[in-house]
Amino acid sequence: MNPTKYFRDAISELHRVSWPTRQQAVRLSVVVLIVTFTFAFVFGFFDTFLAWGYKMLLKLAN
């Protein structure tokens, strides 16, 4: 494939893309951040709880 034709076609496709508005992009970014922090908190909680349980099991074994 000719590299010039490839990039010309790629640019042509980018002009046809339906890009989100600034408001939509900001709203979706906020949703992504909220979901990310929520999952980080939940996984952090479970990790701490499981680590505590593991330590308790090790104390019982001694």
N, C-alpha and C. Protein backbone atom coordinates (compact mmCIF):
# COMPACT_ATOMS: atom_id res chain seq x y z
N MET A 1 0.85 -1.19 0.00
CA MET A 1 0.00 0.00 0.00
C MET A 1 0.89 1.24 0.00
N ASN A 2 0.48 2.19 -0.74
CA ASN A 2 1.19 3.46 -0.85
C ASN A 2 0.98 4.28 0.43
N PRO A 3 2.09 4.68 1.11
CA PRO A 3 1.94 5.45 2.37
C PRO A 3 1.19 6.77 2.19
N THR A 4 1.38 7.42 1.07
CA THR A 4 0.69 8.70 0.83
C THR A 4 -0.81 8.48 0.75
N LYS A 5 -1.22 7.45 0.03
CA LYS A 5 -2.65 7.15 -0.08
C LYS A 5 -3.22 6.75 1.28
N TYR A 6 -2.44 6.00 2.04
CA TYR A 6 -2.90 5.57 3.37
C TYR A 6 -3.20 6.78 4.25
N PHE A 7 -2.26 7.73 4.33
CA PHE A 7 -2.47 8.89 5.19
C PHE A 7 -3.58 9.80 4.64
N ARG A 8 -3.70 9.90 3.33
CA ARG A 8 -4.78 10.70 2.74
C ARG A 8 -6.13 10.08 3.11
N ASP A 9 -6.22 8.76 3.02
CA ASP A 9 -7.47 8.08 3.38
C ASP A 9 -7.76 8.19 4.88
N ALA A 10 -6.72 8.11 5.70
CA ALA A 10 -6.91 8.24 7.15
C ALA A 10 -7.43 9.63 7.50
N ILE A 11 -6.87 10.64 6.91
CA ILE A 11 -7.33 12.02 7.16
C ILE A 11 -8.76 12.19 6.67
N SER A 12 -9.07 11.59 5.54
CA SER A 12 -10.43 11.66 5.01
C SER A 12 -11.42 11.03 5.99
N GLU A 13 -11.06 9.89 6.56
CA GLU A 13 -11.93 9.23 7.54
C GLU A 13 -12.09 10.08 8.80
N LEU A 14 -11.01 10.74 9.23
CA LEU A 14 -11.10 11.59 10.43
C LEU A 14 -12.05 12.75 10.23
N HIS A 15 -12.18 13.23 9.00
CA HIS A 15 -13.13 14.32 8.72
C HIS A 15 -14.58 13.84 8.80
N ARG A 16 -14.80 12.55 8.63
CA ARG A 16 -16.16 11.99 8.69
C ARG A 16 -16.59 11.61 10.10
N VAL A 17 -15.66 11.61 11.04
CA VAL A 17 -15.96 11.19 12.41
C VAL A 17 -16.90 12.20 13.05
N SER A 18 -17.85 11.70 13.82
CA SER A 18 -18.76 12.56 14.56
C SER A 18 -18.14 12.80 15.94
N TRP A 19 -17.42 13.91 16.07
CA TRP A 19 -16.72 14.19 17.32
C TRP A 19 -17.69 14.70 18.38
N PRO A 20 -17.45 14.36 19.66
CA PRO A 20 -18.34 14.87 20.72
C PRO A 20 -18.12 16.36 20.93
N THR A 21 -19.16 17.00 21.45
CA THR A 21 -19.02 18.42 21.79
C THR A 21 -18.14 18.53 23.03
N ARG A 22 -17.72 19.73 23.32
CA ARG A 22 -16.87 19.96 24.50
C ARG A 22 -17.63 19.55 25.77
N GLN A 23 -18.91 19.89 25.84
CA GLN A 23 -19.72 19.55 27.00
C GLN A 23 -19.84 18.03 27.17
N GLN A 24 -20.05 17.32 26.07
CA GLN A 24 -20.13 15.85 26.15
C GLN A 24 -18.81 15.26 26.59
N ALA A 25 -17.70 15.77 26.07
CA ALA A 25 -16.38 15.26 26.43
C ALA A 25 -16.10 15.48 27.92
N VAL A 26 -16.46 16.66 28.43
CA VAL A 26 -16.25 16.95 29.85
C VAL A 26 -17.12 16.05 30.70
N ARG A 27 -18.39 15.89 30.33
CA ARG A 27 -19.32 15.06 31.09
C ARG A 27 -18.84 13.61 31.14
N LEU A 28 -18.43 13.08 30.00
CA LEU A 28 -17.95 11.70 29.95
C LEU A 28 -16.64 11.53 30.73
N SER A 29 -15.79 12.53 30.70
CA SER A 29 -14.54 12.48 31.47
C SER A 29 -14.82 12.43 32.96
N VAL A 30 -15.80 13.21 33.40
CA VAL A 30 -16.18 13.21 34.81
C VAL A 30 -16.72 11.84 35.21
N VAL A 31 -17.53 11.24 34.36
CA VAL A 31 -18.07 9.90 34.64
C VAL A 31 -16.93 8.89 34.76
N VAL A 32 -15.97 8.96 33.86
CA VAL A 32 -14.83 8.04 33.90
C VAL A 32 -14.04 8.22 35.20
N LEU A 33 -13.82 9.46 35.61
CA LEU A 33 -13.08 9.71 36.85
C LEU A 33 -13.85 9.19 38.07
N ILE A 34 -15.15 9.41 38.11
CA ILE A 34 -15.95 8.94 39.24
C ILE A 34 -15.91 7.42 39.33
N VAL A 35 -16.09 6.75 38.19
CA VAL A 35 -16.05 5.28 38.18
C VAL A 35 -14.67 4.78 38.59
N THR A 36 -13.62 5.42 38.10
CA THR A 36 -12.26 5.01 38.43
C THR A 36 -12.00 5.13 39.93
N PHE A 37 -12.35 6.26 40.52
CA PHE A 37 -12.13 6.45 41.95
C PHE A 37 -13.00 5.53 42.79
N THR A 38 -14.22 5.27 42.33
CA THR A 38 -15.09 4.35 43.06
C THR A 38 -14.50 2.95 43.09
N PHE A 39 -14.08 2.46 41.93
CA PHE A 39 -13.48 1.13 41.88
C PHE A 39 -12.17 1.08 42.67
N ALA A 40 -11.37 2.14 42.62
CA ALA A 40 -10.13 2.18 43.40
C ALA A 40 -10.43 2.08 44.89
N PHE A 41 -11.47 2.78 45.33
CA PHE A 41 -11.84 2.73 46.75
C PHE A 41 -12.32 1.34 47.13
N VAL A 42 -13.18 0.75 46.32
CA VAL A 42 -13.73 -0.58 46.62
C VAL A 42 -12.62 -1.63 46.64
N PHE A 43 -11.76 -1.62 45.62
CA PHE A 43 -10.67 -2.59 45.59
C PHE A 43 -9.68 -2.35 46.73
N GLY A 44 -9.43 -1.09 47.07
CA GLY A 44 -8.55 -0.79 48.20
C GLY A 44 -9.14 -1.30 49.51
N PHE A 45 -10.45 -1.14 49.67
CA PHE A 45 -11.12 -1.64 50.88
C PHE A 45 -10.98 -3.15 50.98
N PHE A 46 -11.29 -3.86 49.87
CA PHE A 46 -11.19 -5.31 49.89
C PHE A 46 -9.76 -5.78 50.11
N ASP A 47 -8.80 -5.09 49.52
CA ASP A 47 -7.40 -5.45 49.71
C ASP A 47 -7.00 -5.30 51.17
N THR A 48 -7.41 -4.21 51.80
CA THR A 48 -7.09 -3.99 53.20
C THR A 48 -7.77 -5.05 54.07
N PHE A 49 -9.04 -5.33 53.79
CA PHE A 49 -9.77 -6.33 54.56
C PHE A 49 -9.14 -7.72 54.41
N LEU A 50 -8.79 -8.10 53.19
CA LEU A 50 -8.18 -9.41 52.98
C LEU A 50 -6.79 -9.50 53.61
N ALA A 51 -6.03 -8.42 53.57
CA ALA A 51 -4.71 -8.41 54.21
C ALA A 51 -4.86 -8.57 55.72
N TRP A 52 -5.85 -7.89 56.30
CA TRP A 52 -6.11 -8.02 57.74
C TRP A 52 -6.51 -9.46 58.06
N GLY A 53 -7.39 -10.05 57.25
CA GLY A 53 -7.81 -11.44 57.48
C GLY A 53 -6.65 -12.41 57.35
N TYR A 54 -5.77 -12.17 56.41
CA TYR A 54 -4.60 -13.03 56.23
C TYR A 54 -3.70 -12.95 57.45
N LYS A 55 -3.51 -11.74 57.99
CA LYS A 55 -2.67 -11.58 59.19
C LYS A 55 -3.30 -12.30 60.38
N MET A 56 -4.63 -12.23 60.48
CA MET A 56 -5.30 -12.93 61.59
C MET A 56 -5.12 -14.45 61.46
N LEU A 57 -5.20 -14.97 60.24
CA LEU A 57 -4.99 -16.39 60.04
C LEU A 57 -3.57 -16.81 60.39
N LEU A 58 -2.60 -15.97 60.07
CA LEU A 58 -1.21 -16.28 60.40
C LEU A 58 -0.99 -16.27 61.92
N LYS A 59 -1.67 -15.36 62.61
CA LYS A 59 -1.55 -15.32 64.07
C LYS A 59 -2.16 -16.57 64.69
N LEU A 60 -3.26 -17.07 64.13
CA LEU A 60 -3.90 -18.28 64.65
C LEU A 60 -3.01 -19.50 64.41
N ALA A 61 -2.26 -19.50 63.32
CA ALA A 61 -1.42 -20.65 62.99
C ALA A 61 -0.20 -20.73 63.91
N ASN A 62 0.20 -19.62 64.48
CA ASN A 62 1.38 -19.65 65.38
C ASN A 62 0.98 -20.02 66.73
